[in-house]
Amino acid sequence: MEHEAEIAGIGVGVGPDGDEVPAVILRARSELLPIFVTRDQANAIRLGLTDRVFERPLTHDLLVEMVTEFGGAVDGVRIDDLTDGTFYAKVDAEVYESGQPREFVFDARPSDAIAVAIRFECPIQIADEVLDTAGQPPESIEMDEPDADAFPHSPGDDDRDESDFRYS
């Protein structure tokens, strides 16, 4: 079974070497699911959440524009596997040809799938097996003000809110 998720925020966790590592935090089935990402990926997700428009399109924005221009749509994304500590995702898309839908499933990094889902405003689903393995109770992730130097914002992004988490 899959559960619809919402983005609880962008977090900062402590990696095995003690360094701070960004993560996207998803909420599903009354649990939180932290997925470690790079700073660039975290910023792509954060920028998608702010609806900020740039003079030139960023990568995920370009993808959305291209898919839409070619008559396609993204219907949803799924985080459907966790193997050896690596999350796997799928992007479900379709295009209409001669009035008939043609469906596609694309393998993706969860961070890219999430960044695309934000921009297409489509659902994010998480498989039970993934939540069973990596889901965390809400009390295990505390709200905190991360060190601004540890996870820098994009230019002009000067405020933090309740979507910032710290956990270990």
N, C-alpha and C. Protein backbone atom coordinates (compact mmCIF):
# COMPACT_ATOMS: atom_id res chain seq x y z
N MET A 1 0.84 -1.18 0.00
CA MET A 1 0.00 0.00 0.00
C MET A 1 0.88 1.24 0.00
N GLU A 2 0.40 2.28 -0.63
CA GLU A 2 1.12 3.55 -0.65
C GLU A 2 0.32 4.61 0.11
N HIS A 3 1.04 5.55 0.67
CA HIS A 3 0.43 6.62 1.46
C HIS A 3 0.85 7.97 0.89
N GLU A 4 -0.13 8.87 0.75
CA GLU A 4 0.20 10.20 0.26
C GLU A 4 1.01 10.93 1.32
N ALA A 5 2.04 11.62 0.85
CA ALA A 5 2.95 12.33 1.75
C ALA A 5 2.86 13.82 1.48
N GLU A 6 3.24 14.57 2.49
CA GLU A 6 3.40 16.00 2.33
C GLU A 6 4.81 16.35 2.75
N ILE A 7 5.30 17.43 2.22
CA ILE A 7 6.64 17.87 2.59
C ILE A 7 6.53 18.62 3.91
N ALA A 8 7.16 18.08 4.94
CA ALA A 8 7.15 18.73 6.24
C ALA A 8 8.19 19.85 6.29
N GLY A 9 9.24 19.73 5.48
CA GLY A 9 10.26 20.77 5.43
C GLY A 9 11.60 20.24 4.99
N ILE A 10 12.57 21.11 5.08
CA ILE A 10 13.95 20.75 4.79
C ILE A 10 14.67 20.73 6.13
N GLY A 11 15.40 19.66 6.38
CA GLY A 11 16.07 19.49 7.65
C GLY A 11 17.57 19.44 7.51
N VAL A 12 18.21 19.45 8.65
CA VAL A 12 19.65 19.28 8.72
C VAL A 12 19.91 18.16 9.71
N GLY A 13 20.52 17.08 9.22
CA GLY A 13 20.85 15.95 10.07
C GLY A 13 22.35 15.85 10.23
N VAL A 14 22.76 14.95 11.08
CA VAL A 14 24.18 14.72 11.32
C VAL A 14 24.57 13.43 10.62
N GLY A 15 25.51 13.53 9.69
CA GLY A 15 25.98 12.37 8.94
C GLY A 15 26.94 11.54 9.77
N PRO A 16 27.37 10.40 9.22
CA PRO A 16 28.25 9.49 9.94
C PRO A 16 29.58 10.12 10.36
N ASP A 17 30.02 11.13 9.60
CA ASP A 17 31.29 11.79 9.94
C ASP A 17 31.11 13.00 10.85
N GLY A 18 29.87 13.24 11.28
CA GLY A 18 29.58 14.35 12.16
C GLY A 18 29.24 15.65 11.45
N ASP A 19 29.36 15.67 10.13
CA ASP A 19 29.00 16.86 9.37
C ASP A 19 27.49 16.99 9.24
N GLU A 20 27.02 18.23 9.12
CA GLU A 20 25.60 18.45 8.90
C GLU A 20 25.26 18.16 7.45
N VAL A 21 24.17 17.44 7.25
CA VAL A 21 23.74 17.02 5.92
C VAL A 21 22.27 17.41 5.76
N PRO A 22 21.91 18.08 4.65
CA PRO A 22 20.50 18.43 4.44
C PRO A 22 19.66 17.20 4.13
N ALA A 23 18.39 17.30 4.45
CA ALA A 23 17.43 16.23 4.15
C ALA A 23 16.07 16.86 3.90
N VAL A 24 15.33 16.24 3.01
CA VAL A 24 13.93 16.62 2.85
C VAL A 24 13.16 15.72 3.81
N ILE A 25 12.22 16.31 4.54
CA ILE A 25 11.44 15.58 5.52
C ILE A 25 10.01 15.45 4.99
N LEU A 26 9.57 14.21 4.77
CA LEU A 26 8.21 13.94 4.32
C LEU A 26 7.39 13.44 5.49
N ARG A 27 6.09 13.74 5.46
CA ARG A 27 5.17 13.27 6.50
C ARG A 27 4.12 12.39 5.83
N ALA A 28 4.01 11.14 6.33
CA ALA A 28 3.00 10.21 5.82
C ALA A 28 2.71 9.20 6.92
N ARG A 29 1.48 8.72 6.99
CA ARG A 29 1.10 7.67 7.94
C ARG A 29 1.49 8.06 9.38
N SER A 30 1.36 9.34 9.72
CA SER A 30 1.69 9.86 11.05
C SER A 30 3.16 9.66 11.41
N GLU A 31 4.01 9.54 10.40
CA GLU A 31 5.44 9.40 10.61
C GLU A 31 6.18 10.43 9.77
N LEU A 32 7.44 10.65 10.12
CA LEU A 32 8.30 11.50 9.32
C LEU A 32 9.35 10.64 8.63
N LEU A 33 9.64 10.98 7.39
CA LEU A 33 10.63 10.23 6.61
C LEU A 33 11.70 11.20 6.15
N PRO A 34 12.89 11.18 6.79
CA PRO A 34 13.98 12.02 6.32
C PRO A 34 14.74 11.33 5.20
N ILE A 35 14.99 12.07 4.12
CA ILE A 35 15.76 11.55 3.00
C ILE A 35 16.93 12.51 2.79
N PHE A 36 18.14 12.02 3.04
CA PHE A 36 19.33 12.86 2.86
C PHE A 36 19.49 13.23 1.40
N VAL A 37 19.83 14.49 1.16
CA VAL A 37 20.01 15.02 -0.19
C VAL A 37 21.23 15.93 -0.19
N THR A 38 21.65 16.37 -1.36
CA THR A 38 22.74 17.34 -1.43
C THR A 38 22.19 18.73 -1.15
N ARG A 39 23.07 19.67 -0.93
CA ARG A 39 22.63 21.05 -0.71
C ARG A 39 21.90 21.59 -1.95
N ASP A 40 22.41 21.26 -3.14
CA ASP A 40 21.75 21.72 -4.36
C ASP A 40 20.34 21.15 -4.47
N GLN A 41 20.19 19.87 -4.16
CA GLN A 41 18.87 19.25 -4.22
C GLN A 41 17.94 19.88 -3.19
N ALA A 42 18.43 20.10 -2.00
CA ALA A 42 17.62 20.73 -0.96
C ALA A 42 17.18 22.12 -1.39
N ASN A 43 18.08 22.87 -2.01
CA ASN A 43 17.72 24.21 -2.48
C ASN A 43 16.71 24.14 -3.62
N ALA A 44 16.82 23.15 -4.51
CA ALA A 44 15.85 23.01 -5.60
C ALA A 44 14.46 22.74 -5.04
N ILE A 45 14.39 21.92 -4.01
CA ILE A 45 13.10 21.63 -3.37
C ILE A 45 12.59 22.88 -2.65
N ARG A 46 13.46 23.52 -1.89
CA ARG A 46 13.06 24.74 -1.16
C ARG A 46 12.57 25.82 -2.12
N LEU A 47 13.27 26.01 -3.24
CA LEU A 47 12.86 27.03 -4.21
C LEU A 47 11.51 26.68 -4.83
N GLY A 48 11.26 25.41 -5.08
CA GLY A 48 9.96 25.00 -5.59
C GLY A 48 8.84 25.30 -4.62
N LEU A 49 9.12 25.17 -3.35
CA LEU A 49 8.11 25.44 -2.32
C LEU A 49 7.80 26.93 -2.20
N THR A 50 8.74 27.77 -2.59
CA THR A 50 8.53 29.22 -2.45
C THR A 50 7.85 29.83 -3.66
N ASP A 51 7.69 29.08 -4.75
CA ASP A 51 7.10 29.59 -5.99
C ASP A 51 7.87 30.79 -6.54
N ARG A 52 9.12 30.88 -6.20
CA ARG A 52 9.95 31.98 -6.67
C ARG A 52 10.27 31.79 -8.15
N VAL A 53 10.11 32.83 -8.93
CA VAL A 53 10.37 32.77 -10.36
C VAL A 53 11.70 33.47 -10.65
N PHE A 54 12.54 32.79 -11.41
CA PHE A 54 13.82 33.36 -11.78
C PHE A 54 13.78 33.83 -13.23
N GLU A 55 14.69 34.74 -13.57
CA GLU A 55 14.76 35.25 -14.94
C GLU A 55 15.00 34.11 -15.93
N ARG A 56 15.87 33.19 -15.57
CA ARG A 56 16.18 32.02 -16.41
C ARG A 56 15.69 30.78 -15.67
N PRO A 57 15.12 29.79 -16.40
CA PRO A 57 14.59 28.61 -15.70
C PRO A 57 15.68 27.75 -15.08
N LEU A 58 15.39 27.25 -13.90
CA LEU A 58 16.27 26.28 -13.26
C LEU A 58 15.94 24.90 -13.83
N THR A 59 16.76 23.91 -13.56
CA THR A 59 16.63 22.60 -14.19
C THR A 59 15.24 21.99 -14.07
N HIS A 60 14.68 21.94 -12.86
CA HIS A 60 13.37 21.31 -12.68
C HIS A 60 12.27 22.14 -13.34
N ASP A 61 12.44 23.46 -13.33
CA ASP A 61 11.47 24.32 -14.01
C ASP A 61 11.52 24.11 -15.52
N LEU A 62 12.73 23.93 -16.06
CA LEU A 62 12.89 23.65 -17.48
C LEU A 62 12.21 22.33 -17.84
N LEU A 63 12.39 21.31 -17.03
CA LEU A 63 11.77 20.01 -17.27
C LEU A 63 10.24 20.15 -17.32
N VAL A 64 9.68 20.87 -16.37
CA VAL A 64 8.23 21.07 -16.34
C VAL A 64 7.77 21.79 -17.62
N GLU A 65 8.49 22.82 -18.01
CA GLU A 65 8.13 23.56 -19.21
C GLU A 65 8.19 22.67 -20.45
N MET A 66 9.22 21.84 -20.55
CA MET A 66 9.37 20.95 -21.71
C MET A 66 8.26 19.90 -21.75
N VAL A 67 8.02 19.24 -20.62
CA VAL A 67 6.99 18.20 -20.58
C VAL A 67 5.64 18.80 -20.94
N THR A 68 5.32 19.95 -20.39
CA THR A 68 4.05 20.61 -20.66
C THR A 68 3.94 21.02 -22.13
N GLU A 69 5.01 21.59 -22.66
CA GLU A 69 5.01 22.02 -24.06
C GLU A 69 4.79 20.85 -25.02
N PHE A 70 5.28 19.69 -24.66
CA PHE A 70 5.11 18.50 -25.50
C PHE A 70 3.79 17.78 -25.23
N GLY A 71 2.93 18.41 -24.44
CA GLY A 71 1.60 17.84 -24.20
C GLY A 71 1.57 16.79 -23.11
N GLY A 72 2.55 16.76 -22.28
CA GLY A 72 2.61 15.77 -21.22
C GLY A 72 2.25 16.34 -19.87
N ALA A 73 2.17 15.45 -18.90
CA ALA A 73 1.90 15.84 -17.52
C ALA A 73 2.51 14.80 -16.60
N VAL A 74 2.85 15.22 -15.41
CA VAL A 74 3.29 14.30 -14.37
C VAL A 74 2.10 14.13 -13.43
N ASP A 75 1.68 12.88 -13.27
CA ASP A 75 0.50 12.57 -12.46
C ASP A 75 0.83 12.35 -10.99
N GLY A 76 2.07 11.96 -10.71
CA GLY A 76 2.46 11.71 -9.34
C GLY A 76 3.86 11.12 -9.28
N VAL A 77 4.40 11.09 -8.08
CA VAL A 77 5.70 10.46 -7.86
C VAL A 77 5.55 9.48 -6.70
N ARG A 78 6.40 8.46 -6.73
CA ARG A 78 6.36 7.42 -5.71
C ARG A 78 7.76 7.16 -5.18
N ILE A 79 7.88 7.13 -3.87
CA ILE A 79 9.10 6.64 -3.25
C ILE A 79 8.77 5.21 -2.87
N ASP A 80 9.30 4.28 -3.66
CA ASP A 80 8.78 2.92 -3.60
C ASP A 80 9.78 1.86 -3.16
N ASP A 81 11.02 2.26 -2.87
CA ASP A 81 11.99 1.25 -2.46
C ASP A 81 13.08 1.91 -1.62
N LEU A 82 13.66 1.10 -0.75
CA LEU A 82 14.80 1.49 0.06
C LEU A 82 15.69 0.26 0.14
N THR A 83 16.84 0.34 -0.52
CA THR A 83 17.76 -0.78 -0.57
C THR A 83 19.15 -0.32 -0.17
N ASP A 84 19.74 -0.97 0.80
CA ASP A 84 21.10 -0.63 1.27
C ASP A 84 21.23 0.85 1.59
N GLY A 85 20.21 1.42 2.20
CA GLY A 85 20.24 2.81 2.63
C GLY A 85 19.97 3.82 1.52
N THR A 86 19.63 3.36 0.31
CA THR A 86 19.35 4.26 -0.80
C THR A 86 17.87 4.20 -1.14
N PHE A 87 17.25 5.38 -1.18
CA PHE A 87 15.84 5.49 -1.56
C PHE A 87 15.73 5.49 -3.08
N TYR A 88 14.65 4.91 -3.59
CA TYR A 88 14.37 4.88 -5.02
C TYR A 88 12.98 5.46 -5.26
N ALA A 89 12.84 6.14 -6.40
CA ALA A 89 11.56 6.78 -6.71
C ALA A 89 11.20 6.55 -8.17
N LYS A 90 9.92 6.76 -8.44
CA LYS A 90 9.38 6.69 -9.80
C LYS A 90 8.56 7.95 -10.05
N VAL A 91 8.58 8.40 -11.29
CA VAL A 91 7.75 9.51 -11.73
C VAL A 91 6.74 8.95 -12.72
N ASP A 92 5.46 9.11 -12.42
CA ASP A 92 4.39 8.64 -13.30
C ASP A 92 3.94 9.81 -14.17
N ALA A 93 4.08 9.63 -15.49
CA ALA A 93 3.75 10.70 -16.43
C ALA A 93 2.87 10.16 -17.54
N GLU A 94 2.26 11.07 -18.26
CA GLU A 94 1.45 10.68 -19.41
C GLU A 94 1.47 11.78 -20.45
N VAL A 95 1.17 11.36 -21.66
CA VAL A 95 1.03 12.28 -22.77
C VAL A 95 -0.15 11.77 -23.59
N TYR A 96 -0.89 12.69 -24.16
CA TYR A 96 -2.04 12.29 -25.00
C TYR A 96 -1.62 12.31 -26.46
N GLU A 97 -1.85 11.19 -27.12
CA GLU A 97 -1.58 11.06 -28.55
C GLU A 97 -2.87 10.65 -29.23
N SER A 98 -3.35 11.44 -30.15
CA SER A 98 -4.62 11.18 -30.85
C SER A 98 -5.76 10.97 -29.86
N GLY A 99 -5.76 11.76 -28.79
CA GLY A 99 -6.83 11.69 -27.80
C GLY A 99 -6.72 10.54 -26.82
N GLN A 100 -5.68 9.73 -26.93
CA GLN A 100 -5.52 8.58 -26.04
C GLN A 100 -4.31 8.80 -25.12
N PRO A 101 -4.47 8.48 -23.84
CA PRO A 101 -3.33 8.66 -22.94
C PRO A 101 -2.28 7.56 -23.15
N ARG A 102 -1.05 7.97 -23.12
CA ARG A 102 0.08 7.03 -23.15
C ARG A 102 0.85 7.27 -21.86
N GLU A 103 0.94 6.23 -21.04
CA GLU A 103 1.54 6.36 -19.72
C GLU A 103 3.01 5.95 -19.74
N PHE A 104 3.77 6.65 -18.89
CA PHE A 104 5.20 6.40 -18.76
C PHE A 104 5.55 6.33 -17.28
N VAL A 105 6.55 5.54 -16.94
CA VAL A 105 7.10 5.51 -15.59
C VAL A 105 8.60 5.71 -15.72
N PHE A 106 9.11 6.71 -15.04
CA PHE A 106 10.53 7.03 -15.10
C PHE A 106 11.18 6.80 -13.74
N ASP A 107 12.33 6.15 -13.74
CA ASP A 107 13.13 5.99 -12.53
C ASP A 107 13.74 7.34 -12.20
N ALA A 108 13.79 7.69 -10.91
CA ALA A 108 14.32 9.00 -10.53
C ALA A 108 14.92 8.95 -9.14
N ARG A 109 15.79 9.90 -8.87
CA ARG A 109 16.24 10.09 -7.49
C ARG A 109 15.06 10.70 -6.74
N PRO A 110 14.84 10.32 -5.50
CA PRO A 110 13.73 10.90 -4.75
C PRO A 110 13.77 12.43 -4.71
N SER A 111 14.95 13.01 -4.58
CA SER A 111 15.03 14.47 -4.53
C SER A 111 14.53 15.10 -5.82
N ASP A 112 14.89 14.53 -6.97
CA ASP A 112 14.39 15.06 -8.24
C ASP A 112 12.90 14.84 -8.37
N ALA A 113 12.43 13.65 -7.99
CA ALA A 113 11.00 13.35 -8.06
C ALA A 113 10.21 14.33 -7.21
N ILE A 114 10.68 14.63 -6.01
CA ILE A 114 10.00 15.56 -5.12
C ILE A 114 10.01 16.97 -5.71
N ALA A 115 11.16 17.40 -6.25
CA ALA A 115 11.25 18.74 -6.85
C ALA A 115 10.29 18.86 -8.04
N VAL A 116 10.14 17.80 -8.81
CA VAL A 116 9.20 17.81 -9.94
C VAL A 116 7.76 17.81 -9.43
N ALA A 117 7.47 16.99 -8.42
CA ALA A 117 6.11 16.92 -7.87
C ALA A 117 5.65 18.29 -7.36
N ILE A 118 6.55 19.01 -6.72
CA ILE A 118 6.20 20.35 -6.22
C ILE A 118 5.77 21.24 -7.38
N ARG A 119 6.54 21.20 -8.43
CA ARG A 119 6.28 22.08 -9.57
C ARG A 119 5.05 21.67 -10.37
N PHE A 120 4.74 20.40 -10.42
CA PHE A 120 3.54 19.93 -11.11
C PHE A 120 2.34 19.89 -10.16
N GLU A 121 2.57 20.16 -8.88
CA GLU A 121 1.52 20.11 -7.86
C GLU A 121 0.79 18.78 -7.90
N CYS A 122 1.57 17.71 -7.92
CA CYS A 122 1.00 16.37 -7.96
C CYS A 122 1.38 15.61 -6.68
N PRO A 123 0.68 14.52 -6.39
CA PRO A 123 0.90 13.80 -5.14
C PRO A 123 2.25 13.08 -5.08
N ILE A 124 2.73 12.96 -3.86
CA ILE A 124 3.92 12.16 -3.55
C ILE A 124 3.41 10.99 -2.72
N GLN A 125 3.70 9.78 -3.18
CA GLN A 125 3.28 8.57 -2.47
C GLN A 125 4.51 7.87 -1.90
N ILE A 126 4.34 7.26 -0.73
CA ILE A 126 5.43 6.48 -0.13
C ILE A 126 4.89 5.09 0.18
N ALA A 127 5.66 4.09 -0.22
CA ALA A 127 5.28 2.70 0.00
C ALA A 127 5.37 2.34 1.48
N ASP A 128 4.45 1.47 1.91
CA ASP A 128 4.46 0.97 3.29
C ASP A 128 5.83 0.44 3.70
N GLU A 129 6.44 -0.34 2.80
CA GLU A 129 7.73 -0.96 3.12
C GLU A 129 8.80 0.08 3.43
N VAL A 130 8.76 1.20 2.71
CA VAL A 130 9.73 2.27 2.95
C VAL A 130 9.47 2.91 4.31
N LEU A 131 8.20 3.19 4.61
CA LEU A 131 7.87 3.78 5.91
C LEU A 131 8.16 2.81 7.04
N ASP A 132 7.89 1.52 6.82
CA ASP A 132 8.18 0.53 7.85
C ASP A 132 9.67 0.50 8.20
N THR A 133 10.51 0.70 7.20
CA THR A 133 11.95 0.63 7.39
C THR A 133 12.55 1.94 7.90
N ALA A 134 12.13 3.07 7.32
CA ALA A 134 12.81 4.33 7.60
C ALA A 134 11.94 5.41 8.24
N GLY A 135 10.65 5.16 8.42
CA GLY A 135 9.79 6.15 9.04
C GLY A 135 10.22 6.41 10.48
N GLN A 136 10.10 7.65 10.90
CA GLN A 136 10.49 8.07 12.26
C GLN A 136 9.29 8.66 12.98
N PRO A 137 9.18 8.40 14.27
CA PRO A 137 8.11 9.08 15.01
C PRO A 137 8.38 10.58 15.05
N PRO A 138 7.33 11.39 15.02
CA PRO A 138 7.53 12.85 14.99
C PRO A 138 8.42 13.37 16.13
N GLU A 139 8.35 12.75 17.28
CA GLU A 139 9.16 13.25 18.40
C GLU A 139 10.65 12.99 18.22
N SER A 140 11.05 12.19 17.25
CA SER A 140 12.47 11.92 17.03
C SER A 140 13.16 13.02 16.23
N ILE A 141 12.38 13.93 15.67
CA ILE A 141 12.94 15.01 14.87
C ILE A 141 12.52 16.31 15.52
N GLU A 142 13.51 17.01 16.08
CA GLU A 142 13.18 18.23 16.81
C GLU A 142 13.29 19.46 15.94
N MET A 143 12.43 20.41 16.24
CA MET A 143 12.48 21.70 15.57
C MET A 143 13.66 22.46 16.14
N ASP A 144 14.39 23.12 15.27
CA ASP A 144 15.57 23.84 15.70
C ASP A 144 15.91 24.87 14.65
N GLU A 145 16.68 25.84 15.00
CA GLU A 145 17.19 26.81 14.04
C GLU A 145 18.57 26.33 13.61
N PRO A 146 18.69 25.78 12.39
CA PRO A 146 20.00 25.33 11.92
C PRO A 146 20.97 26.49 11.77
N ASP A 147 22.23 26.18 11.82
CA ASP A 147 23.29 27.14 11.58
C ASP A 147 23.18 27.60 10.13
N ALA A 148 23.03 28.88 9.90
CA ALA A 148 22.84 29.40 8.54
C ALA A 148 24.00 29.04 7.62
N ASP A 149 25.21 28.92 8.16
CA ASP A 149 26.36 28.58 7.33
C ASP A 149 26.38 27.10 6.98
N ALA A 150 25.73 26.27 7.77
CA ALA A 150 25.74 24.83 7.52
C ALA A 150 24.85 24.47 6.35
N PHE A 151 23.77 25.22 6.16
CA PHE A 151 22.85 24.96 5.05
C PHE A 151 22.43 26.29 4.48
N PRO A 152 23.26 26.84 3.60
CA PRO A 152 22.98 28.18 3.09
C PRO A 152 21.74 28.22 2.21
N HIS A 153 21.04 29.32 2.32
CA HIS A 153 19.88 29.57 1.46
C HIS A 153 20.36 30.07 0.11
N SER A 154 19.47 30.06 -0.81
CA SER A 154 19.75 30.67 -2.11
C SER A 154 19.72 32.18 -1.94
N PRO A 155 20.36 32.90 -2.84
CA PRO A 155 20.37 34.37 -2.73
C PRO A 155 18.96 34.92 -2.60
N GLY A 156 18.79 35.81 -1.65
CA GLY A 156 17.50 36.45 -1.45
C GLY A 156 16.54 35.66 -0.57
N ASP A 157 16.93 34.48 -0.16
CA ASP A 157 16.08 33.64 0.68
C ASP A 157 16.55 33.81 2.11
N ASP A 158 16.03 34.82 2.80
CA ASP A 158 16.63 35.23 4.04
C ASP A 158 15.87 34.86 5.30
N ASP A 159 14.87 33.99 5.20
CA ASP A 159 14.16 33.66 6.43
C ASP A 159 14.01 32.15 6.55
N ARG A 160 13.91 31.69 7.77
CA ARG A 160 13.66 30.28 8.06
C ARG A 160 12.34 30.22 8.81
N ASP A 161 11.67 29.09 8.70
CA ASP A 161 10.40 28.96 9.39
C ASP A 161 10.28 27.58 10.02
N GLU A 162 9.04 27.22 10.35
CA GLU A 162 8.81 25.98 11.05
C GLU A 162 9.17 24.75 10.22
N SER A 163 9.49 24.92 8.95
CA SER A 163 9.83 23.77 8.13
C SER A 163 11.30 23.38 8.27
N ASP A 164 12.04 24.03 9.15
CA ASP A 164 13.43 23.67 9.38
C ASP A 164 13.52 22.72 10.58
N PHE A 165 14.21 21.60 10.37
CA PHE A 165 14.32 20.56 11.38
C PHE A 165 15.79 20.25 11.63
N ARG A 166 16.06 19.69 12.78
CA ARG A 166 17.39 19.16 13.09
C ARG A 166 17.17 17.81 13.73
N TYR A 167 17.94 16.85 13.32
CA TYR A 167 17.82 15.51 13.89
C TYR A 167 19.16 14.81 13.76
N SER A 168 19.28 13.69 14.48
CA SER A 168 20.50 12.89 14.39
C SER A 168 20.15 11.43 14.44
